[in-house]
Full PDB file with SEQRES, HELIX, SHEET, SSBOND, CRYST1, ORIGX, SCALE, CONECT and MASTER records, all heavy atoms in Angstrom:
SEQRES   1 A   37  ALA LYS CYS MET ALA TRP PHE ARG GLN ALA PRO GLY LYS          
SEQRES   2 A   37  GLU ARG GLU GLY VAL ALA SER ILE TYR THR THR GLY GLY          
SEQRES   3 A   37  SER PRO SER TYR VAL ASP SER VAL LYS GLY ARG                  
HELIX    1 AA1 ASP A   32  VAL A   34  5                                   3    
SHEET    1 AA1 3 CYS A   3  ARG A   8  0                                        
SHEET    2 AA1 3 GLU A  16  TYR A  22 -1                                        
SHEET    3 AA1 3 SER A  29  TYR A  30 -1                                        
CRYST1    1.000    1.000    1.000  90.00  90.00  90.00 P 1           1          
ORIGX1      1.000000  0.000000  0.000000        0.00000                         
ORIGX2      0.000000  1.000000  0.000000        0.00000                         
ORIGX3      0.000000  0.000000  1.000000        0.00000                         
SCALE1      1.000000  0.000000  0.000000        0.00000                         
SCALE2      0.000000  1.000000  0.000000        0.00000                         
SCALE3      0.000000  0.000000  1.000000        0.00000                         
ATOM      1  N   ALA A   1       2.658  17.547   7.120  1.00  0.00           N  
ATOM      2  CA  ALA A   1       3.155  18.061   5.864  1.00  0.00           C  
ATOM      3  C   ALA A   1       3.679  16.832   4.976  1.00  0.00           C  
ATOM      4  O   ALA A   1       4.703  16.906   4.416  1.00  0.00           O  
ATOM      5  CB  ALA A   1       4.273  19.037   5.966  1.00  0.00           C  
ATOM      6  N   LYS A   2       2.848  15.821   4.875  1.00  0.00           N  
ATOM      7  CA  LYS A   2       3.249  14.703   4.030  1.00  0.00           C  
ATOM      8  C   LYS A   2       2.089  14.327   2.970  1.00  0.00           C  
ATOM      9  O   LYS A   2       0.914  14.516   3.411  1.00  0.00           O  
ATOM     10  CB  LYS A   2       3.362  13.384   4.869  1.00  0.00           C  
ATOM     11  CG  LYS A   2       4.479  13.520   6.065  1.00  0.00           C  
ATOM     12  CD  LYS A   2       5.829  13.656   5.533  1.00  0.00           C  
ATOM     13  CE  LYS A   2       6.884  13.460   6.684  1.00  0.00           C  
ATOM     14  NZ  LYS A   2       6.746  14.459   7.682  1.00  0.00           N  
ATOM     15  N   CYS A   3       2.483  13.931   1.870  1.00  0.00           N  
ATOM     16  CA  CYS A   3       1.528  13.232   0.975  1.00  0.00           C  
ATOM     17  C   CYS A   3       1.693  11.716   1.258  1.00  0.00           C  
ATOM     18  O   CYS A   3       2.711  11.206   1.237  1.00  0.00           O  
ATOM     19  CB  CYS A   3       1.845  13.510  -0.463  1.00  0.00           C  
ATOM     20  SG  CYS A   3       0.709  12.737  -1.580  1.00  0.00           S  
ATOM     21  N   MET A   4       0.612  11.259   1.758  1.00  0.00           N  
ATOM     22  CA  MET A   4       0.394   9.829   1.938  1.00  0.00           C  
ATOM     23  C   MET A   4      -0.385   9.160   0.949  1.00  0.00           C  
ATOM     24  O   MET A   4      -1.506   9.696   0.544  1.00  0.00           O  
ATOM     25  CB  MET A   4      -0.139   9.425   3.282  1.00  0.00           C  
ATOM     26  CG  MET A   4       0.660  10.145   4.522  1.00  0.00           C  
ATOM     27  SD  MET A   4       2.415   9.419   4.633  1.00  0.00           S  
ATOM     28  CE  MET A   4       1.984   7.604   4.962  1.00  0.00           C  
ATOM     29  N   ALA A   5      -0.128   8.071   0.480  1.00  0.00           N  
ATOM     30  CA  ALA A   5      -0.731   7.375  -0.733  1.00  0.00           C  
ATOM     31  C   ALA A   5      -0.701   5.958  -0.590  1.00  0.00           C  
ATOM     32  O   ALA A   5       0.158   5.302   0.189  1.00  0.00           O  
ATOM     33  CB  ALA A   5      -0.169   7.755  -2.038  1.00  0.00           C  
ATOM     34  N   TRP A   6      -1.694   5.270  -1.246  1.00  0.00           N  
ATOM     35  CA  TRP A   6      -1.863   3.834  -1.444  1.00  0.00           C  
ATOM     36  C   TRP A   6      -1.792   3.582  -2.975  1.00  0.00           C  
ATOM     37  O   TRP A   6      -2.404   4.299  -3.786  1.00  0.00           O  
ATOM     38  CB  TRP A   6      -3.067   3.232  -0.929  1.00  0.00           C  
ATOM     39  CG  TRP A   6      -3.226   3.245   0.673  1.00  0.00           C  
ATOM     40  CD1 TRP A   6      -3.750   4.194   1.429  1.00  0.00           C  
ATOM     41  CD2 TRP A   6      -2.762   2.187   1.408  1.00  0.00           C  
ATOM     42  NE1 TRP A   6      -3.720   3.811   2.726  1.00  0.00           N  
ATOM     43  CE2 TRP A   6      -3.033   2.616   2.735  1.00  0.00           C  
ATOM     44  CE3 TRP A   6      -2.013   0.995   1.131  1.00  0.00           C  
ATOM     45  CZ2 TRP A   6      -2.746   1.847   3.869  1.00  0.00           C  
ATOM     46  CZ3 TRP A   6      -1.836   0.268   2.335  1.00  0.00           C  
ATOM     47  CH2 TRP A   6      -1.982   0.735   3.622  1.00  0.00           C  
ATOM     48  N   PHE A   7      -0.887   2.614  -3.300  1.00  0.00           N  
ATOM     49  CA  PHE A   7      -0.700   2.083  -4.624  1.00  0.00           C  
ATOM     50  C   PHE A   7      -1.105   0.701  -4.671  1.00  0.00           C  
ATOM     51  O   PHE A   7      -1.059  -0.001  -3.636  1.00  0.00           O  
ATOM     52  CB  PHE A   7       0.651   2.246  -5.162  1.00  0.00           C  
ATOM     53  CG  PHE A   7       1.055   3.596  -5.568  1.00  0.00           C  
ATOM     54  CD1 PHE A   7       1.284   4.641  -4.586  1.00  0.00           C  
ATOM     55  CD2 PHE A   7       1.234   4.031  -6.875  1.00  0.00           C  
ATOM     56  CE1 PHE A   7       1.617   5.902  -4.953  1.00  0.00           C  
ATOM     57  CE2 PHE A   7       1.667   5.276  -7.259  1.00  0.00           C  
ATOM     58  CZ  PHE A   7       1.855   6.221  -6.332  1.00  0.00           C  
ATOM     59  N   ARG A   8      -1.394   0.187  -5.830  1.00  0.00           N  
ATOM     60  CA  ARG A   8      -1.513  -1.279  -5.968  1.00  0.00           C  
ATOM     61  C   ARG A   8      -0.915  -1.844  -7.236  1.00  0.00           C  
ATOM     62  O   ARG A   8      -0.840  -1.080  -8.238  1.00  0.00           O  
ATOM     63  CB  ARG A   8      -2.981  -1.815  -5.840  1.00  0.00           C  
ATOM     64  CG  ARG A   8      -3.916  -1.218  -6.975  1.00  0.00           C  
ATOM     65  CD  ARG A   8      -5.338  -1.517  -6.639  1.00  0.00           C  
ATOM     66  NE  ARG A   8      -6.185  -1.010  -7.739  1.00  0.00           N  
ATOM     67  CZ  ARG A   8      -7.515  -1.084  -7.754  1.00  0.00           C  
ATOM     68  NH1 ARG A   8      -8.179  -1.621  -6.753  1.00  0.00           N  
ATOM     69  NH2 ARG A   8      -8.209  -0.662  -8.794  1.00  0.00           N  
ATOM     70  N   GLN A   9      -0.508  -3.178  -7.221  1.00  0.00           N  
ATOM     71  CA  GLN A   9      -0.018  -3.688  -8.400  1.00  0.00           C  
ATOM     72  C   GLN A   9      -0.518  -5.106  -8.525  1.00  0.00           C  
ATOM     73  O   GLN A   9      -0.366  -5.999  -7.727  1.00  0.00           O  
ATOM     74  CB  GLN A   9       1.533  -3.715  -8.332  1.00  0.00           C  
ATOM     75  CG  GLN A   9       2.150  -4.137  -9.509  1.00  0.00           C  
ATOM     76  CD  GLN A   9       3.626  -3.736  -9.676  1.00  0.00           C  
ATOM     77  OE1 GLN A   9       4.356  -3.534  -8.695  1.00  0.00           O  
ATOM     78  NE2 GLN A   9       4.177  -3.793 -10.956  1.00  0.00           N  
ATOM     79  N   ALA A  10      -1.285  -5.389  -9.643  1.00  0.00           N  
ATOM     80  CA  ALA A  10      -1.829  -6.713  -9.862  1.00  0.00           C  
ATOM     81  C   ALA A  10      -0.753  -7.417 -10.835  1.00  0.00           C  
ATOM     82  O   ALA A  10       0.062  -6.774 -11.573  1.00  0.00           O  
ATOM     83  CB  ALA A  10      -3.135  -6.547 -10.618  1.00  0.00           C  
ATOM     84  N   PRO A  11      -0.870  -8.747 -10.973  1.00  0.00           N  
ATOM     85  CA  PRO A  11      -0.059  -9.516 -11.726  1.00  0.00           C  
ATOM     86  C   PRO A  11      -0.008  -9.028 -13.181  1.00  0.00           C  
ATOM     87  O   PRO A  11      -1.214  -8.807 -13.773  1.00  0.00           O  
ATOM     88  CB  PRO A  11      -0.466 -10.943 -11.609  1.00  0.00           C  
ATOM     89  CG  PRO A  11      -1.114 -10.914 -10.313  1.00  0.00           C  
ATOM     90  CD  PRO A  11      -1.787  -9.614 -10.182  1.00  0.00           C  
ATOM     91  N   GLY A  12       1.112  -8.755 -13.797  1.00  0.00           N  
ATOM     92  CA  GLY A  12       1.278  -8.438 -15.120  1.00  0.00           C  
ATOM     93  C   GLY A  12       0.890  -6.876 -15.404  1.00  0.00           C  
ATOM     94  O   GLY A  12       0.890  -6.501 -16.565  1.00  0.00           O  
ATOM     95  N   LYS A  13       0.681  -6.050 -14.432  1.00  0.00           N  
ATOM     96  CA  LYS A  13       0.216  -4.720 -14.623  1.00  0.00           C  
ATOM     97  C   LYS A  13       1.155  -3.784 -13.886  1.00  0.00           C  
ATOM     98  O   LYS A  13       1.899  -4.230 -13.023  1.00  0.00           O  
ATOM     99  CB  LYS A  13      -1.172  -4.519 -14.165  1.00  0.00           C  
ATOM    100  CG  LYS A  13      -2.235  -5.174 -14.762  1.00  0.00           C  
ATOM    101  CD  LYS A  13      -3.657  -4.845 -14.433  1.00  0.00           C  
ATOM    102  CE  LYS A  13      -4.694  -5.536 -15.109  1.00  0.00           C  
ATOM    103  NZ  LYS A  13      -6.062  -5.180 -14.800  1.00  0.00           N  
ATOM    104  N   GLU A  14       1.226  -2.531 -14.202  1.00  0.00           N  
ATOM    105  CA  GLU A  14       1.969  -1.552 -13.683  1.00  0.00           C  
ATOM    106  C   GLU A  14       1.379  -1.048 -12.323  1.00  0.00           C  
ATOM    107  O   GLU A  14       0.258  -1.288 -12.084  1.00  0.00           O  
ATOM    108  CB  GLU A  14       2.221  -0.410 -14.659  1.00  0.00           C  
ATOM    109  CG  GLU A  14       2.759  -0.473 -15.836  1.00  0.00           C  
ATOM    110  CD  GLU A  14       2.956   0.788 -16.752  1.00  0.00           C  
ATOM    111  OE1 GLU A  14       2.520   1.823 -16.270  1.00  0.00           O  
ATOM    112  OE2 GLU A  14       3.654   0.704 -17.704  1.00  0.00           O  
ATOM    113  N   ARG A  15       2.172  -0.578 -11.439  1.00  0.00           N  
ATOM    114  CA  ARG A  15       1.851  -0.048 -10.128  1.00  0.00           C  
ATOM    115  C   ARG A  15       0.886   1.087 -10.347  1.00  0.00           C  
ATOM    116  O   ARG A  15       1.274   2.035 -11.083  1.00  0.00           O  
ATOM    117  CB  ARG A  15       2.954   0.203  -9.251  1.00  0.00           C  
ATOM    118  CG  ARG A  15       2.612   0.402  -7.840  1.00  0.00           C  
ATOM    119  CD  ARG A  15       3.809   0.455  -6.914  1.00  0.00           C  
ATOM    120  NE  ARG A  15       4.462  -0.936  -6.935  1.00  0.00           N  
ATOM    121  CZ  ARG A  15       5.472  -1.111  -6.097  1.00  0.00           C  
ATOM    122  NH1 ARG A  15       5.998  -0.309  -5.234  1.00  0.00           N  
ATOM    123  NH2 ARG A  15       6.083  -2.426  -6.176  1.00  0.00           N  
ATOM    124  N   GLU A  16      -0.193   1.149  -9.723  1.00  0.00           N  
ATOM    125  CA  GLU A  16      -1.289   2.083  -9.935  1.00  0.00           C  
ATOM    126  C   GLU A  16      -1.611   2.958  -8.664  1.00  0.00           C  
ATOM    127  O   GLU A  16      -1.725   2.308  -7.662  1.00  0.00           O  
ATOM    128  CB  GLU A  16      -2.575   1.361 -10.401  1.00  0.00           C  
ATOM    129  CG  GLU A  16      -3.824   2.309 -10.545  1.00  0.00           C  
ATOM    130  CD  GLU A  16      -5.065   1.503 -10.760  1.00  0.00           C  
ATOM    131  OE1 GLU A  16      -5.187   0.400 -10.248  1.00  0.00           O  
ATOM    132  OE2 GLU A  16      -5.970   2.020 -11.398  1.00  0.00           O  
ATOM    133  N   GLY A  17      -1.645   4.208  -8.687  1.00  0.00           N  
ATOM    134  CA  GLY A  17      -2.053   4.946  -7.598  1.00  0.00           C  
ATOM    135  C   GLY A  17      -3.448   4.862  -7.397  1.00  0.00           C  
ATOM    136  O   GLY A  17      -4.351   5.041  -8.349  1.00  0.00           O  
ATOM    137  N   VAL A  18      -3.785   4.554  -6.163  1.00  0.00           N  
ATOM    138  CA  VAL A  18      -5.221   4.394  -5.712  1.00  0.00           C  
ATOM    139  C   VAL A  18      -5.918   5.414  -5.006  1.00  0.00           C  
ATOM    140  O   VAL A  18      -7.032   5.861  -5.290  1.00  0.00           O  
ATOM    141  CB  VAL A  18      -5.321   3.079  -4.920  1.00  0.00           C  
ATOM    142  CG1 VAL A  18      -6.762   2.756  -4.437  1.00  0.00           C  
ATOM    143  CG2 VAL A  18      -4.853   1.781  -5.706  1.00  0.00           C  
ATOM    144  N   ALA A  19      -5.164   6.014  -3.913  1.00  0.00           N  
ATOM    145  CA  ALA A  19      -5.715   7.016  -3.220  1.00  0.00           C  
ATOM    146  C   ALA A  19      -4.552   7.772  -2.504  1.00  0.00           C  
ATOM    147  O   ALA A  19      -3.538   7.342  -2.292  1.00  0.00           O  
ATOM    148  CB  ALA A  19      -6.610   6.475  -2.049  1.00  0.00           C  
ATOM    149  N   SER A  20      -4.908   9.179  -2.205  1.00  0.00           N  
ATOM    150  CA  SER A  20      -3.899   9.935  -1.520  1.00  0.00           C  
ATOM    151  C   SER A  20      -4.551  10.858  -0.609  1.00  0.00           C  
ATOM    152  O   SER A  20      -5.720  11.251  -0.786  1.00  0.00           O  
ATOM    153  CB  SER A  20      -3.082  10.670  -2.648  1.00  0.00           C  
ATOM    154  OG  SER A  20      -3.739  11.642  -3.212  1.00  0.00           O  
ATOM    155  N   ILE A  21      -3.745  11.378   0.409  1.00  0.00           N  
ATOM    156  CA  ILE A  21      -4.255  12.319   1.286  1.00  0.00           C  
ATOM    157  C   ILE A  21      -3.134  13.274   1.680  1.00  0.00           C  
ATOM    158  O   ILE A  21      -2.038  12.743   1.905  1.00  0.00           O  
ATOM    159  CB  ILE A  21      -4.951  11.738   2.462  1.00  0.00           C  
ATOM    160  CG1 ILE A  21      -5.558  12.788   3.473  1.00  0.00           C  
ATOM    161  CG2 ILE A  21      -4.064  10.859   3.343  1.00  0.00           C  
ATOM    162  CD1 ILE A  21      -6.622  12.283   4.440  1.00  0.00           C  
ATOM    163  N   TYR A  22      -3.308  14.552   1.710  1.00  0.00           N  
ATOM    164  CA  TYR A  22      -2.306  15.536   2.202  1.00  0.00           C  
ATOM    165  C   TYR A  22      -2.576  15.712   3.647  1.00  0.00           C  
ATOM    166  O   TYR A  22      -3.592  16.147   4.046  1.00  0.00           O  
ATOM    167  CB  TYR A  22      -2.294  16.791   1.489  1.00  0.00           C  
ATOM    168  CG  TYR A  22      -1.240  17.571   1.959  1.00  0.00           C  
ATOM    169  CD1 TYR A  22       0.202  17.160   1.579  1.00  0.00           C  
ATOM    170  CD2 TYR A  22      -1.334  18.993   2.580  1.00  0.00           C  
ATOM    171  CE1 TYR A  22       1.297  17.933   2.050  1.00  0.00           C  
ATOM    172  CE2 TYR A  22      -0.165  19.555   2.952  1.00  0.00           C  
ATOM    173  CZ  TYR A  22       1.020  19.119   2.712  1.00  0.00           C  
ATOM    174  OH  TYR A  22       2.107  19.843   3.165  1.00  0.00           O  
ATOM    175  N   THR A  23      -1.603  15.428   4.474  1.00  0.00           N  
ATOM    176  CA  THR A  23      -1.847  15.247   5.922  1.00  0.00           C  
ATOM    177  C   THR A  23      -2.181  16.586   6.711  1.00  0.00           C  
ATOM    178  O   THR A  23      -2.800  16.450   7.776  1.00  0.00           O  
ATOM    179  CB  THR A  23      -0.696  14.549   6.646  1.00  0.00           C  
ATOM    180  OG1 THR A  23       0.554  15.321   6.370  1.00  0.00           O  
ATOM    181  CG2 THR A  23      -0.501  13.092   6.047  1.00  0.00           C  
ATOM    182  N   THR A  24      -1.804  17.567   6.109  1.00  0.00           N  
ATOM    183  CA  THR A  24      -2.094  18.926   6.828  1.00  0.00           C  
ATOM    184  C   THR A  24      -3.259  19.598   6.246  1.00  0.00           C  
ATOM    185  O   THR A  24      -3.478  20.865   6.571  1.00  0.00           O  
ATOM    186  CB  THR A  24      -0.773  19.801   6.729  1.00  0.00           C  
ATOM    187  OG1 THR A  24       0.382  19.096   7.070  1.00  0.00           O  
ATOM    188  CG2 THR A  24      -0.813  21.016   7.729  1.00  0.00           C  
ATOM    189  N   GLY A  25      -4.054  19.021   5.388  1.00  0.00           N  
ATOM    190  CA  GLY A  25      -5.213  19.641   4.863  1.00  0.00           C  
ATOM    191  C   GLY A  25      -5.430  19.180   3.416  1.00  0.00           C  
ATOM    192  O   GLY A  25      -4.453  18.765   2.709  1.00  0.00           O  
ATOM    193  N   GLY A  26      -6.575  19.371   2.822  1.00  0.00           N  
ATOM    194  CA  GLY A  26      -6.963  19.133   1.631  1.00  0.00           C  
ATOM    195  C   GLY A  26      -7.705  17.915   1.397  1.00  0.00           C  
ATOM    196  O   GLY A  26      -7.823  17.053   2.391  1.00  0.00           O  
ATOM    197  N   SER A  27      -8.455  17.766   0.316  1.00  0.00           N  
ATOM    198  CA  SER A  27      -9.425  16.705   0.154  1.00  0.00           C  
ATOM    199  C   SER A  27      -8.607  15.438  -0.273  1.00  0.00           C  
ATOM    200  O   SER A  27      -7.755  15.549  -1.196  1.00  0.00           O  
ATOM    201  CB  SER A  27     -10.435  17.072  -0.870  1.00  0.00           C  
ATOM    202  OG  SER A  27     -11.239  18.141  -0.556  1.00  0.00           O  
ATOM    203  N   PRO A  28      -8.987  14.205   0.204  1.00  0.00           N  
ATOM    204  CA  PRO A  28      -8.520  13.090  -0.320  1.00  0.00           C  
ATOM    205  C   PRO A  28      -8.787  12.890  -1.830  1.00  0.00           C  
ATOM    206  O   PRO A  28      -9.842  13.410  -2.390  1.00  0.00           O  
ATOM    207  CB  PRO A  28      -9.207  11.988   0.399  1.00  0.00           C  
ATOM    208  CG  PRO A  28      -9.621  12.671   1.649  1.00  0.00           C  
ATOM    209  CD  PRO A  28     -10.022  14.009   1.182  1.00  0.00           C  
ATOM    210  N   SER A  29      -8.004  12.098  -2.575  1.00  0.00           N  
ATOM    211  CA  SER A  29      -8.176  11.954  -4.006  1.00  0.00           C  
ATOM    212  C   SER A  29      -8.183  10.429  -4.194  1.00  0.00           C  
ATOM    213  O   SER A  29      -7.443   9.712  -3.556  1.00  0.00           O  
ATOM    214  CB  SER A  29      -7.085  12.644  -4.788  1.00  0.00           C  
ATOM    215  OG  SER A  29      -7.275  12.488  -6.099  1.00  0.00           O  
ATOM    216  N   TYR A  30      -8.946  10.016  -5.257  1.00  0.00           N  
ATOM    217  CA  TYR A  30      -9.065   8.539  -5.600  1.00  0.00           C  
ATOM    218  C   TYR A  30      -9.034   8.380  -7.126  1.00  0.00           C  
ATOM    219  O   TYR A  30      -9.547   9.240  -7.789  1.00  0.00           O  
ATOM    220  CB  TYR A  30     -10.392   7.964  -5.057  1.00  0.00           C  
ATOM    221  CG  TYR A  30     -10.539   8.264  -3.521  1.00  0.00           C  
ATOM    222  CD1 TYR A  30     -11.211   9.295  -3.063  1.00  0.00           C  
ATOM    223  CD2 TYR A  30     -10.000   7.227  -2.665  1.00  0.00           C  
ATOM    224  CE1 TYR A  30     -11.368   9.579  -1.681  1.00  0.00           C  
ATOM    225  CE2 TYR A  30     -10.278   7.475  -1.256  1.00  0.00           C  
ATOM    226  CZ  TYR A  30     -10.863   8.649  -0.810  1.00  0.00           C  
ATOM    227  OH  TYR A  30     -11.052   8.760   0.540  1.00  0.00           O  
ATOM    228  N   VAL A  31      -8.480   7.214  -7.464  1.00  0.00           N  
ATOM    229  CA  VAL A  31      -8.694   6.793  -8.939  1.00  0.00           C  
ATOM    230  C   VAL A  31     -10.111   6.495  -9.205  1.00  0.00           C  
ATOM    231  O   VAL A  31     -10.840   5.911  -8.172  1.00  0.00           O  
ATOM    232  CB  VAL A  31      -7.731   5.611  -9.171  1.00  0.00           C  
ATOM    233  CG1 VAL A  31      -8.065   4.477  -8.380  1.00  0.00           C  
ATOM    234  CG2 VAL A  31      -7.531   5.416 -10.672  1.00  0.00           C  
ATOM    235  N   ASP A  32     -10.594   6.772 -10.324  1.00  0.00           N  
ATOM    236  CA  ASP A  32     -11.938   6.602 -10.621  1.00  0.00           C  
ATOM    237  C   ASP A  32     -12.549   5.209 -10.317  1.00  0.00           C  
ATOM    238  O   ASP A  32     -13.723   5.011  -9.872  1.00  0.00           O  
ATOM    239  CB  ASP A  32     -12.146   6.873 -12.173  1.00  0.00           C  
ATOM    240  CG  ASP A  32     -12.129   8.326 -12.544  1.00  0.00           C  
ATOM    241  OD1 ASP A  32     -12.125   9.126 -11.554  1.00  0.00           O  
ATOM    242  OD2 ASP A  32     -12.078   8.638 -13.736  1.00  0.00           O  
ATOM    243  N   SER A  33     -11.780   4.189 -10.545  1.00  0.00           N  
ATOM    244  CA  SER A  33     -12.264   2.836 -10.388  1.00  0.00           C  
ATOM    245  C   SER A  33     -12.618   2.398  -8.819  1.00  0.00           C  
ATOM    246  O   SER A  33     -13.358   1.496  -8.590  1.00  0.00           O  
ATOM    247  CB  SER A  33     -11.284   1.824 -10.869  1.00  0.00           C  
ATOM    248  OG  SER A  33      -9.990   1.906 -10.139  1.00  0.00           O  
ATOM    249  N   VAL A  34     -12.068   3.211  -7.878  1.00  0.00           N  
ATOM    250  CA  VAL A  34     -12.481   2.997  -6.549  1.00  0.00           C  
ATOM    251  C   VAL A  34     -13.310   4.055  -5.896  1.00  0.00           C  
ATOM    252  O   VAL A  34     -13.677   3.967  -4.695  1.00  0.00           O  
ATOM    253  CB  VAL A  34     -11.208   2.750  -5.722  1.00  0.00           C  
ATOM    254  CG1 VAL A  34     -10.226   1.718  -6.303  1.00  0.00           C  
ATOM    255  CG2 VAL A  34     -10.484   4.122  -5.431  1.00  0.00           C  
ATOM    256  N   LYS A  35     -13.627   5.102  -6.584  1.00  0.00           N  
ATOM    257  CA  LYS A  35     -14.456   6.165  -6.050  1.00  0.00           C  
ATOM    258  C   LYS A  35     -15.911   5.591  -5.497  1.00  0.00           C  
ATOM    259  O   LYS A  35     -16.468   4.935  -6.160  1.00  0.00           O  
ATOM    260  CB  LYS A  35     -14.637   7.323  -7.030  1.00  0.00           C  
ATOM    261  CG  LYS A  35     -13.456   8.112  -7.184  1.00  0.00           C  
ATOM    262  CD  LYS A  35     -13.729   9.336  -8.309  1.00  0.00           C  
ATOM    263  CE  LYS A  35     -12.596  10.241  -8.443  1.00  0.00           C  
ATOM    264  NZ  LYS A  35     -12.713  11.135  -9.533  1.00  0.00           N  
ATOM    265  N   GLY A  36     -16.123   6.081  -4.263  1.00  0.00           N  
ATOM    266  CA  GLY A  36     -17.423   5.601  -3.610  1.00  0.00           C  
ATOM    267  C   GLY A  36     -17.203   4.336  -2.915  1.00  0.00           C  
ATOM    268  O   GLY A  36     -18.221   3.867  -2.176  1.00  0.00           O  
ATOM    269  N   ARG A  37     -16.156   3.599  -3.090  1.00  0.00           N  
ATOM    270  CA  ARG A  37     -15.939   2.285  -2.450  1.00  0.00           C  
ATOM    271  C   ARG A  37     -14.790   2.468  -1.431  1.00  0.00           C  
ATOM    272  O   ARG A  37     -14.871   1.643  -0.320  1.00  0.00           O  
ATOM    273  CB  ARG A  37     -15.714   1.248  -3.429  1.00  0.00           C  
ATOM    274  CG  ARG A  37     -16.857   1.016  -4.459  1.00  0.00           C  
ATOM    275  CD  ARG A  37     -16.555  -0.282  -5.346  1.00  0.00           C  
ATOM    276  NE  ARG A  37     -15.287  -0.041  -6.175  1.00  0.00           N  
ATOM    277  CZ  ARG A  37     -14.259  -0.918  -6.071  1.00  0.00           C  
ATOM    278  NH1 ARG A  37     -14.416  -1.996  -5.249  1.00  0.00           N  
ATOM    279  NH2 ARG A  37     -13.263  -0.832  -6.850  1.00  0.00           N  
TER     280      ARG A  37                                                      
MASTER        0    0    0    1    3    0    0    6  279    1    0    3          
END                                                                             
């Protein structure tokens, strides 16, 4: 029952959500720039 996520922060930019998964079910979600990779 956790939302687990990865964020990233490049120099000079805001922290960006990259991917998430709900641990008890549901589909993973991705920011458009990393989908398929």
